[in-house]
C-alpha atoms as a PDB file:
ATOM      1  CA  UNK A   1     -23.410   5.534  16.423  1.00  0.00           C
ATOM      2  CA  UNK A   2     -20.517   6.490  14.141  1.00  0.00           C
ATOM      3  CA  UNK A   3     -19.363   2.867  13.892  1.00  0.00           C
ATOM      4  CA  UNK A   4     -22.841   1.814  12.742  1.00  0.00           C
ATOM      5  CA  UNK A   5     -23.036   4.791  10.371  1.00  0.00           C
ATOM      6  CA  UNK A   6     -19.635   3.872   8.908  1.00  0.00           C
ATOM      7  CA  UNK A   7     -20.942   0.460   7.873  1.00  0.00           C
ATOM      8  CA  UNK A   8     -24.241   1.818   6.555  1.00  0.00           C
ATOM      9  CA  UNK A   9     -22.372   4.420   4.509  1.00  0.00           C
ATOM     10  CA  UNK A  10     -19.972   1.873   3.023  1.00  0.00           C
ATOM     11  CA  UNK A  11     -22.922  -0.356   2.121  1.00  0.00           C
ATOM     12  CA  UNK A  12     -24.752   2.533   0.466  1.00  0.00           C
ATOM     13  CA  UNK A  13     -21.693   3.547  -1.565  1.00  0.00           C
ATOM     14  CA  UNK A  14     -21.020  -0.090  -2.484  1.00  0.00           C
ATOM     15  CA  UNK A  15     -24.539  -0.431  -3.858  1.00  0.00           C
ATOM     16  CA  UNK A  16     -24.158   2.665  -6.040  1.00  0.00           C
ATOM     17  CA  UNK A  17     -20.720   1.732  -7.485  1.00  0.00           C
ATOM     18  CA  UNK A  18     -20.965   0.245 -10.977  1.00  0.00           C
ATOM     19  CA  UNK A  19     -18.606  -2.758 -11.307  1.00  0.00           C
ATOM     20  CA  UNK A  20     -17.295  -1.693 -14.718  1.00  0.00           C
ATOM     21  CA  UNK A  21     -16.214   1.668 -13.294  1.00  0.00           C
ATOM     22  CA  UNK A  22     -13.780  -0.041 -10.897  1.00  0.00           C
ATOM     23  CA  UNK A  23     -12.628  -2.720 -13.346  1.00  0.00           C
ATOM     24  CA  UNK A  24     -14.779  -5.629 -12.151  1.00  0.00           C
ATOM     25  CA  UNK A  25     -15.933  -7.890 -15.026  1.00  0.00           C
ATOM     26  CA  UNK A  26     -19.712  -8.048 -15.407  1.00  0.00           C
ATOM     27  CA  UNK A  27     -21.349 -11.327 -16.457  1.00  0.00           C
ATOM     28  CA  UNK A  28     -24.522 -11.503 -18.539  1.00  0.00           C
ATOM     29  CA  UNK A  29     -26.527 -13.017 -15.676  1.00  0.00           C
ATOM     30  CA  UNK A  30     -25.520 -10.446 -13.092  1.00  0.00           C
ATOM     31  CA  UNK A  31     -28.469  -8.985 -11.173  1.00  0.00           C
ATOM     32  CA  UNK A  32     -26.705  -6.674  -8.718  1.00  0.00           C
ATOM     33  CA  UNK A  33     -26.189  -3.171 -10.100  1.00  0.00           C
ATOM     34  CA  UNK A  34     -23.528  -2.286  -7.535  1.00  0.00           C
ATOM     35  CA  UNK A  35     -20.521  -4.125  -6.175  1.00  0.00           C
ATOM     36  CA  UNK A  36     -20.907  -7.413  -4.380  1.00  0.00           C
ATOM     37  CA  UNK A  37     -19.453  -7.534  -0.896  1.00  0.00           C
ATOM     38  CA  UNK A  38     -16.669  -9.951  -1.882  1.00  0.00           C
ATOM     39  CA  UNK A  39     -15.774  -7.750  -4.859  1.00  0.00           C
ATOM     40  CA  UNK A  40     -15.324  -4.641  -2.730  1.00  0.00           C
ATOM     41  CA  UNK A  41     -13.355  -6.652  -0.158  1.00  0.00           C
ATOM     42  CA  UNK A  42     -10.987  -7.881  -2.853  1.00  0.00           C
ATOM     43  CA  UNK A  43     -10.534  -4.376  -4.280  1.00  0.00           C
ATOM     44  CA  UNK A  44      -9.812  -2.966  -0.807  1.00  0.00           C
ATOM     45  CA  UNK A  45      -7.498  -5.814   0.242  1.00  0.00           C
ATOM     46  CA  UNK A  46      -9.575  -6.862   3.257  1.00  0.00           C
ATOM     47  CA  UNK A  47     -11.485 -10.055   3.983  1.00  0.00           C
ATOM     48  CA  UNK A  48     -15.123 -10.368   2.979  1.00  0.00           C
ATOM     49  CA  UNK A  49     -15.913 -11.473   6.537  1.00  0.00           C
ATOM     50  CA  UNK A  50     -14.402  -8.292   7.982  1.00  0.00           C
ATOM     51  CA  UNK A  51     -16.302  -6.138   5.473  1.00  0.00           C
ATOM     52  CA  UNK A  52     -19.513  -7.939   6.460  1.00  0.00           C
ATOM     53  CA  UNK A  53     -18.882  -7.172  10.127  1.00  0.00           C
ATOM     54  CA  UNK A  54     -18.115  -3.537   9.288  1.00  0.00           C
ATOM     55  CA  UNK A  55     -21.311  -3.118   7.291  1.00  0.00           C
ATOM     56  CA  UNK A  56     -23.369  -4.762  10.016  1.00  0.00           C
ATOM     57  CA  UNK A  57     -21.797  -2.624  12.744  1.00  0.00           C
ATOM     58  CA  UNK A  58     -20.242  -5.658  14.475  1.00  0.00           C
ATOM     59  CA  UNK A  59     -16.632  -4.576  13.810  1.00  0.00           C
ATOM     60  CA  UNK A  60     -15.519  -1.452  15.651  1.00  0.00           C
ATOM     61  CA  UNK A  61     -12.713   1.070  15.157  1.00  0.00           C
ATOM     62  CA  UNK A  62     -11.703   0.457  11.516  1.00  0.00           C
ATOM     63  CA  UNK A  63      -8.157   1.680  10.987  1.00  0.00           C
ATOM     64  CA  UNK A  64      -7.241   4.682   8.866  1.00  0.00           C
ATOM     65  CA  UNK A  65      -5.645   2.246   6.422  1.00  0.00           C
ATOM     66  CA  UNK A  66      -8.957   0.386   6.040  1.00  0.00           C
ATOM     67  CA  UNK A  67     -10.821   3.662   5.539  1.00  0.00           C
ATOM     68  CA  UNK A  68      -8.309   4.719   2.884  1.00  0.00           C
ATOM     69  CA  UNK A  69      -8.462   1.337   1.131  1.00  0.00           C
ATOM     70  CA  UNK A  70     -12.264   1.423   0.993  1.00  0.00           C
ATOM     71  CA  UNK A  71     -12.259   5.036  -0.213  1.00  0.00           C
ATOM     72  CA  UNK A  72      -9.840   4.117  -2.989  1.00  0.00           C
ATOM     73  CA  UNK A  73     -11.765   0.981  -3.987  1.00  0.00           C
ATOM     74  CA  UNK A  74     -15.059   2.896  -4.106  1.00  0.00           C
ATOM     75  CA  UNK A  75     -13.466   5.796  -6.052  1.00  0.00           C
ATOM     76  CA  UNK A  76     -14.772   8.307  -3.514  1.00  0.00           C
ATOM     77  CA  UNK A  77     -14.452  12.044  -3.966  1.00  0.00           C
ATOM     78  CA  UNK A  78     -12.232  13.965  -1.551  1.00  0.00           C
ATOM     79  CA  UNK A  79     -15.291  15.129   0.416  1.00  0.00           C
ATOM     80  CA  UNK A  80     -16.671  11.593   0.709  1.00  0.00           C
ATOM     81  CA  UNK A  81     -13.278  10.213   1.684  1.00  0.00           C
ATOM     82  CA  UNK A  82     -12.977  12.783   4.480  1.00  0.00           C
ATOM     83  CA  UNK A  83     -16.450  11.814   5.716  1.00  0.00           C
ATOM     84  CA  UNK A  84     -15.477   8.133   5.764  1.00  0.00           C
ATOM     85  CA  UNK A  85     -12.410   8.957   7.855  1.00  0.00           C
ATOM     86  CA  UNK A  86     -14.533  10.889  10.354  1.00  0.00           C
ATOM     87  CA  UNK A  87     -17.085   8.064  10.588  1.00  0.00           C
ATOM     88  CA  UNK A  88     -14.201   5.694  11.307  1.00  0.00           C
ATOM     89  CA  UNK A  89     -13.074   7.968  14.148  1.00  0.00           C
ATOM     90  CA  UNK A  90     -10.021   9.419  12.370  1.00  0.00           C
ATOM     91  CA  UNK A  91      -9.098  12.883  11.253  1.00  0.00           C
ATOM     92  CA  UNK A  92      -8.760  13.163   7.494  1.00  0.00           C
ATOM     93  CA  UNK A  93      -5.088  13.307   6.462  1.00  0.00           C
ATOM     94  CA  UNK A  94      -3.718  16.825   6.195  1.00  0.00           C
ATOM     95  CA  UNK A  95      -0.673  18.285   4.421  1.00  0.00           C
ATOM     96  CA  UNK A  96       1.637  17.220   7.275  1.00  0.00           C
ATOM     97  CA  UNK A  97       0.769  13.516   6.818  1.00  0.00           C
ATOM     98  CA  UNK A  98       2.298  11.241   4.191  1.00  0.00           C
ATOM     99  CA  UNK A  99      -0.473  10.998   1.568  1.00  0.00           C
ATOM    100  CA  UNK A 100      -1.676   7.628   0.330  1.00  0.00           C
ATOM    101  CA  UNK A 101      -4.509   9.025  -1.777  1.00  0.00           C
ATOM    102  CA  UNK A 102      -4.610   7.865  -5.401  1.00  0.00           C
ATOM    103  CA  UNK A 103      -6.341  10.747  -7.213  1.00  0.00           C
ATOM    104  CA  UNK A 104      -8.839  10.011  -9.953  1.00  0.00           C
ATOM    105  CA  UNK A 105      -6.453  11.140 -12.704  1.00  0.00           C
ATOM    106  CA  UNK A 106      -3.792   8.686 -11.528  1.00  0.00           C
ATOM    107  CA  UNK A 107      -6.416   5.953 -11.109  1.00  0.00           C
ATOM    108  CA  UNK A 108      -7.442   6.434 -14.749  1.00  0.00           C
ATOM    109  CA  UNK A 109      -3.808   5.953 -15.725  1.00  0.00           C
ATOM    110  CA  UNK A 110      -3.631   2.756 -13.667  1.00  0.00           C
ATOM    111  CA  UNK A 111      -6.868   1.509 -15.254  1.00  0.00           C
ATOM    112  CA  UNK A 112      -5.234   1.799 -18.665  1.00  0.00           C
ATOM    113  CA  UNK A 113      -2.344  -0.346 -17.420  1.00  0.00           C
ATOM    114  CA  UNK A 114      -4.620  -3.104 -16.153  1.00  0.00           C
ATOM    115  CA  UNK A 115      -2.711  -5.769 -18.126  1.00  0.00           C
ATOM    116  CA  UNK A 116       0.726  -4.492 -17.060  1.00  0.00           C
ATOM    117  CA  UNK A 117       2.384  -5.220 -13.698  1.00  0.00           C
ATOM    118  CA  UNK A 118       2.106  -2.010 -11.651  1.00  0.00           C
ATOM    119  CA  UNK A 119       2.713  -1.286  -7.970  1.00  0.00           C
ATOM    120  CA  UNK A 120       2.086   2.000  -6.135  1.00  0.00           C
ATOM    121  CA  UNK A 121       3.879   3.125  -2.963  1.00  0.00           C
ATOM    122  CA  UNK A 122       3.481   6.227  -0.830  1.00  0.00           C
ATOM    123  CA  UNK A 123       6.423   8.427   0.144  1.00  0.00           C
ATOM    124  CA  UNK A 124       7.370   6.082   3.015  1.00  0.00           C
ATOM    125  CA  UNK A 125       7.545   3.196   0.527  1.00  0.00           C
ATOM    126  CA  UNK A 126       4.489   1.589   2.072  1.00  0.00           C
ATOM    127  CA  UNK A 127       2.384  -0.355  -0.402  1.00  0.00           C
ATOM    128  CA  UNK A 128      -0.723   1.524  -1.527  1.00  0.00           C
ATOM    129  CA  UNK A 129      -1.882  -0.896  -4.206  1.00  0.00           C
ATOM    130  CA  UNK A 130      -0.622  -3.614  -6.508  1.00  0.00           C
ATOM    131  CA  UNK A 131      -2.641  -4.736  -9.514  1.00  0.00           C
ATOM    132  CA  UNK A 132      -3.364  -8.360 -10.431  1.00  0.00           C
ATOM    133  CA  UNK A 133      -0.556  -8.652 -13.035  1.00  0.00           C
ATOM    134  CA  UNK A 134       1.957  -7.424 -10.435  1.00  0.00           C
ATOM    135  CA  UNK A 135       0.808 -10.030  -7.921  1.00  0.00           C
ATOM    136  CA  UNK A 136       0.953 -12.659 -10.670  1.00  0.00           C
ATOM    137  CA  UNK A 137       4.534 -11.673 -11.485  1.00  0.00           C
ATOM    138  CA  UNK A 138       5.929 -11.014  -8.005  1.00  0.00           C
ATOM    139  CA  UNK A 139       3.696 -13.065  -5.703  1.00  0.00           C
ATOM    140  CA  UNK A 140       0.471 -12.257  -3.884  1.00  0.00           C
ATOM    141  CA  UNK A 141       0.624  -9.069  -1.784  1.00  0.00           C
ATOM    142  CA  UNK A 142      -2.952  -9.129  -0.464  1.00  0.00           C
ATOM    143  CA  UNK A 143      -2.042 -10.885   2.803  1.00  0.00           C
ATOM    144  CA  UNK A 144       0.744  -8.436   3.701  1.00  0.00           C
ATOM    145  CA  UNK A 145       0.146  -6.551   6.941  1.00  0.00           C
ATOM    146  CA  UNK A 146       2.097  -3.983   8.961  1.00  0.00           C
ATOM    147  CA  UNK A 147       5.790  -3.801   8.168  1.00  0.00           C
ATOM    148  CA  UNK A 148       5.372  -6.425   5.468  1.00  0.00           C
ATOM    149  CA  UNK A 149       3.770  -3.720   3.312  1.00  0.00           C
ATOM    150  CA  UNK A 150       6.846  -1.487   3.506  1.00  0.00           C
ATOM    151  CA  UNK A 151       9.410  -1.908   0.721  1.00  0.00           C
ATOM    152  CA  UNK A 152      12.269  -0.541   2.847  1.00  0.00           C
ATOM    153  CA  UNK A 153      11.627  -3.196   5.497  1.00  0.00           C
ATOM    154  CA  UNK A 154      11.211  -5.983   2.952  1.00  0.00           C
ATOM    155  CA  UNK A 155      14.567  -5.119   1.431  1.00  0.00           C
ATOM    156  CA  UNK A 156      16.689  -4.486   4.534  1.00  0.00           C
ATOM    157  CA  UNK A 157      15.168  -7.505   6.295  1.00  0.00           C
ATOM    158  CA  UNK A 158      15.938  -9.579   3.171  1.00  0.00           C
ATOM    159  CA  UNK A 159      12.435 -11.029   2.998  1.00  0.00           C
ATOM    160  CA  UNK A 160      11.845 -13.541   0.182  1.00  0.00           C
ATOM    161  CA  UNK A 161      11.616 -11.882  -3.220  1.00  0.00           C
ATOM    162  CA  UNK A 162      11.497 -13.052  -6.815  1.00  0.00           C
ATOM    163  CA  UNK A 163      13.754 -10.175  -7.897  1.00  0.00           C
ATOM    164  CA  UNK A 164      17.319 -11.335  -8.568  1.00  0.00           C
ATOM    165  CA  UNK A 165      20.008  -8.981  -7.175  1.00  0.00           C
ATOM    166  CA  UNK A 166      23.755  -9.199  -7.093  1.00  0.00           C
ATOM    167  CA  UNK A 167      25.118  -8.302  -3.635  1.00  0.00           C
ATOM    168  CA  UNK A 168      26.202  -4.891  -4.953  1.00  0.00           C
ATOM    169  CA  UNK A 169      22.823  -4.207  -6.578  1.00  0.00           C
ATOM    170  CA  UNK A 170      21.031  -5.162  -3.372  1.00  0.00           C
ATOM    171  CA  UNK A 171      23.243  -2.896  -1.248  1.00  0.00           C
ATOM    172  CA  UNK A 172      22.784   0.049  -3.613  1.00  0.00           C
ATOM    173  CA  UNK A 173      19.022  -0.499  -3.794  1.00  0.00           C
ATOM    174  CA  UNK A 174      18.748  -0.559   0.000  1.00  0.00           C
ATOM    175  CA  UNK A 175      20.823   2.622   0.286  1.00  0.00           C
ATOM    176  CA  UNK A 176      18.618   4.431  -2.237  1.00  0.00           C
ATOM    177  CA  UNK A 177      15.423   3.420  -0.428  1.00  0.00           C
ATOM    178  CA  UNK A 178      16.737   4.559   2.955  1.00  0.00           C
ATOM    179  CA  UNK A 179      17.991   7.843   1.505  1.00  0.00           C
ATOM    180  CA  UNK A 180      14.566   8.532  -0.012  1.00  0.00           C
ATOM    181  CA  UNK A 181      12.874   7.668   3.291  1.00  0.00           C
ATOM    182  CA  UNK A 182      15.147  10.171   5.047  1.00  0.00           C
ATOM    183  CA  UNK A 183      13.971  12.892   2.641  1.00  0.00           C
ATOM    184  CA  UNK A 184      10.375  11.890   3.319  1.00  0.00           C
ATOM    185  CA  UNK A 185      10.946  12.178   7.068  1.00  0.00           C
ATOM    186  CA  UNK A 186      12.245  15.719   6.569  1.00  0.00           C
ATOM    187  CA  UNK A 187       9.093  16.674   4.628  1.00  0.00           C
ATOM    188  CA  UNK A 188       6.626  15.168   7.121  1.00  0.00           C
ATOM    189  CA  UNK A 189       8.135  15.689  10.606  1.00  0.00           C
ATOM    190  CA  UNK A 190       4.688  15.669  12.271  1.00  0.00           C
ATOM    191  CA  UNK A 191       3.574  12.310  10.857  1.00  0.00           C
ATOM    192  CA  UNK A 192       3.390   9.949  13.842  1.00  0.00           C
ATOM    193  CA  UNK A 193       2.898   6.854  11.690  1.00  0.00           C
ATOM    194  CA  UNK A 194       6.067   7.686   9.771  1.00  0.00           C
ATOM    195  CA  UNK A 195       8.019   8.239  13.000  1.00  0.00           C
ATOM    196  CA  UNK A 196       6.776   4.894  14.329  1.00  0.00           C
ATOM    197  CA  UNK A 197       7.802   3.192  11.084  1.00  0.00           C
ATOM    198  CA  UNK A 198      11.329   4.584  11.344  1.00  0.00           C
ATOM    199  CA  UNK A 199      11.561   3.550  15.016  1.00  0.00           C
ATOM    200  CA  UNK A 200      10.460   0.022  14.116  1.00  0.00           C
ATOM    201  CA  UNK A 201      12.972  -0.116  11.268  1.00  0.00           C
ATOM    202  CA  UNK A 202      15.853   1.092  13.445  1.00  0.00           C
ATOM    203  CA  UNK A 203      15.059  -1.372  16.244  1.00  0.00           C
ATOM    204  CA  UNK A 204      14.271  -4.284  13.947  1.00  0.00           C
ATOM    205  CA  UNK A 205      17.007  -4.093  11.321  1.00  0.00           C
ATOM    206  CA  UNK A 206      20.718  -3.543  11.980  1.00  0.00           C
ATOM    207  CA  UNK A 207      21.158  -2.941   8.257  1.00  0.00           C
ATOM    208  CA  UNK A 208      18.608  -0.120   8.291  1.00  0.00           C
ATOM    209  CA  UNK A 209      20.126   1.396  11.443  1.00  0.00           C
ATOM    210  CA  UNK A 210      23.553   1.352   9.774  1.00  0.00           C
ATOM    211  CA  UNK A 211      22.254   3.126   6.670  1.00  0.00           C
ATOM    212  CA  UNK A 212      20.055   5.554   8.635  1.00  0.00           C
ATOM    213  CA  UNK A 213      22.920   6.692  10.862  1.00  0.00           C
ATOM    214  CA  UNK A 214      25.585   6.563   8.156  1.00  0.00           C
ATOM    215  CA  UNK A 215      27.051   9.651   6.576  1.00  0.00           C
ATOM    216  CA  UNK A 216      27.950   8.127   3.217  1.00  0.00           C
ATOM    217  CA  UNK A 217      26.024   9.685   0.304  1.00  0.00           C
ATOM    218  CA  UNK A 218      23.474   7.376  -1.326  1.00  0.00           C
ATOM    219  CA  UNK A 219      24.172   5.878  -4.763  1.00  0.00           C
ATOM    220  CA  UNK A 220      23.014   7.948  -7.745  1.00  0.00           C
ATOM    221  CA  UNK A 221      19.284   7.900  -8.358  1.00  0.00           C
ATOM    222  CA  UNK A 222      18.206   5.109 -10.683  1.00  0.00           C
ATOM    223  CA  UNK A 223      14.486   5.583 -11.412  1.00  0.00           C
ATOM    224  CA  UNK A 224      14.617   3.413 -14.552  1.00  0.00           C
ATOM    225  CA  UNK A 225      16.455   0.097 -14.575  1.00  0.00           C
ATOM    226  CA  UNK A 226      16.374  -3.515 -15.696  1.00  0.00           C
ATOM    227  CA  UNK A 227      15.250  -6.194 -13.260  1.00  0.00           C
ATOM    228  CA  UNK A 228      15.332  -9.956 -13.520  1.00  0.00           C
ATOM    229  CA  UNK A 229      12.457 -11.805 -11.870  1.00  0.00           C
ATOM    230  CA  UNK A 230      12.809 -15.516 -11.158  1.00  0.00           C
ATOM    231  CA  UNK A 231       9.237 -16.672 -11.719  1.00  0.00           C
ATOM    232  CA  UNK A 232       8.452 -20.172 -10.403  1.00  0.00           C
ATOM    233  CA  UNK A 233       6.557 -21.257 -13.542  1.00  0.00           C
ATOM    234  CA  UNK A 234       7.691 -18.953 -16.354  1.00  0.00           C
ATOM    235  CA  UNK A 235      11.376 -18.920 -15.412  1.00  0.00           C
ATOM    236  CA  UNK A 236      13.721 -15.913 -15.379  1.00  0.00           C
ATOM    237  CA  UNK A 237      12.235 -12.753 -16.931  1.00  0.00           C
ATOM    238  CA  UNK A 238      14.289  -9.603 -17.500  1.00  0.00           C
ATOM    239  CA  UNK A 239      12.104  -6.506 -17.597  1.00  0.00           C
ATOM    240  CA  UNK A 240      12.344  -2.747 -17.695  1.00  0.00           C
ATOM    241  CA  UNK A 241      11.242  -1.302 -14.363  1.00  0.00           C
ATOM    242  CA  UNK A 242      10.355   2.389 -14.599  1.00  0.00           C
ATOM    243  CA  UNK A 243       9.491   4.216 -11.396  1.00  0.00           C
ATOM    244  CA  UNK A 244       7.319   7.264 -11.951  1.00  0.00           C
ATOM    245  CA  UNK A 245       6.970   9.954  -9.282  1.00  0.00           C
ATOM    246  CA  UNK A 246       3.626  11.726  -8.858  1.00  0.00           C
ATOM    247  CA  UNK A 247       4.928  14.932  -7.340  1.00  0.00           C
ATOM    248  CA  UNK A 248       1.730  16.566  -6.057  1.00  0.00           C
ATOM    249  CA  UNK A 249       0.519  13.371  -4.372  1.00  0.00           C
ATOM    250  CA  UNK A 250       4.009  12.104  -3.413  1.00  0.00           C
ATOM    251  CA  UNK A 251       3.454   8.633  -4.875  1.00  0.00           C
ATOM    252  CA  UNK A 252       5.887   6.203  -6.495  1.00  0.00           C
ATOM    253  CA  UNK A 253       4.541   4.063  -9.349  1.00  0.00           C
ATOM    254  CA  UNK A 254       6.686   1.197 -10.632  1.00  0.00           C
ATOM    255  CA  UNK A 255       5.772  -0.265 -14.019  1.00  0.00           C
ATOM    256  CA  UNK A 256       7.231  -3.518 -15.410  1.00  0.00           C
ATOM    257  CA  UNK A 257       7.372  -3.999 -19.181  1.00  0.00           C
ATOM    258  CA  UNK A 258       9.190  -6.094 -21.788  1.00  0.00           C
ATOM    259  CA  UNK A 259      10.131  -5.249 -25.352  1.00  0.00           C
ATOM    260  CA  UNK A 260       7.441  -6.702 -27.662  1.00  0.00           C
ATOM    261  CA  UNK A 261       8.363  -9.807 -29.594  1.00  0.00           C
ATOM    262  CA  UNK A 262      11.061 -10.954 -27.189  1.00  0.00           C
ATOM    263  CA  UNK A 263      11.288 -14.127 -25.139  1.00  0.00           C
ATOM    264  CA  UNK A 264      10.961 -11.997 -22.008  1.00  0.00           C
ATOM    265  CA  UNK A 265       7.668 -10.608 -23.328  1.00  0.00           C
ATOM    266  CA  UNK A 266       6.369 -14.141 -23.883  1.00  0.00           C
ATOM    267  CA  UNK A 267       7.450 -15.219 -20.411  1.00  0.00           C
ATOM    268  CA  UNK A 268       5.867 -12.138 -18.843  1.00  0.00           C
ATOM    269  CA  UNK A 269       2.570 -12.884 -20.603  1.00  0.00           C
ATOM    270  CA  UNK A 270       2.728 -16.486 -19.394  1.00  0.00           C
ATOM    271  CA  UNK A 271       3.512 -15.421 -15.816  1.00  0.00           C
ATOM    272  CA  UNK A 272       0.570 -12.995 -15.784  1.00  0.00           C
ATOM    273  CA  UNK A 273      -1.866 -15.593 -17.160  1.00  0.00           C
ATOM    274  CA  UNK A 274      -0.727 -18.343 -14.791  1.00  0.00           C
ATOM    275  CA  UNK A 275      -0.554 -16.058 -11.765  1.00  0.00           C
ATOM    276  CA  UNK A 276      -3.904 -14.389 -12.394  1.00  0.00           C
ATOM    277  CA  UNK A 277      -5.587 -17.776 -12.748  1.00  0.00           C
ATOM    278  CA  UNK A 278      -4.014 -18.950  -9.490  1.00  0.00           C
ATOM    279  CA  UNK A 279      -5.098 -15.806  -7.641  1.00  0.00           C
ATOM    280  CA  UNK A 280      -8.684 -16.273  -8.817  1.00  0.00           C
ATOM    281  CA  UNK A 281      -8.928 -19.880  -7.559  1.00  0.00           C
END
């Protein structure tokens, strides 16, 4: 019953959500007043086929991550989000769980940066959302699943990245990420998902295990720094990367910008245009 009600509820909230409110362009010939199924799927980072099966009650046991992604895409209130979790068979996250909620005030900020590459992580450095300009600059994140969505894992496992690091910069960046994850673990000792993440990192990455067990102090915090991105079409782009911390919601927001009028600004604009077009094909 709850599985069927989950899908019916998502469908009802999808129908009531105005596209312009969630940043979906509206054409002159559009008839639907709410979101189309494929539009909500894209916003939530799930396949349209899976969303169809959820709404029709043919997919069972949606994960907490799916419930959170749909709640965020639909801009649900806290009460509605908690209901969606319960209908999915999960307890709503409490204060002892790493939050991945993007509050409406932060979402409004992100909406105003819709033409700027922005990525949001929770306190475990697991990807919460990346906007279209970020995917255009760094590569598509929508297909990432499991550990692939965790920035600590992507760095210590040396997964492919367009960011150019010297060996020293890479080592210092990894050490900072692991040190921050250790602080997160101390704040959320009851979070089972976080404990499982750390176990997977320790068993899957000797580099992480070395840093996790090491006693050396982490490098100084560096929340604002320059990064060079080797874009396949636009070439090397050196940008300011500012990481903003939302204290109450324990989020990390990284914003990539270039000084206006520079060659890097032109290359960034080109990368965003080319990448956004490719993602829409």
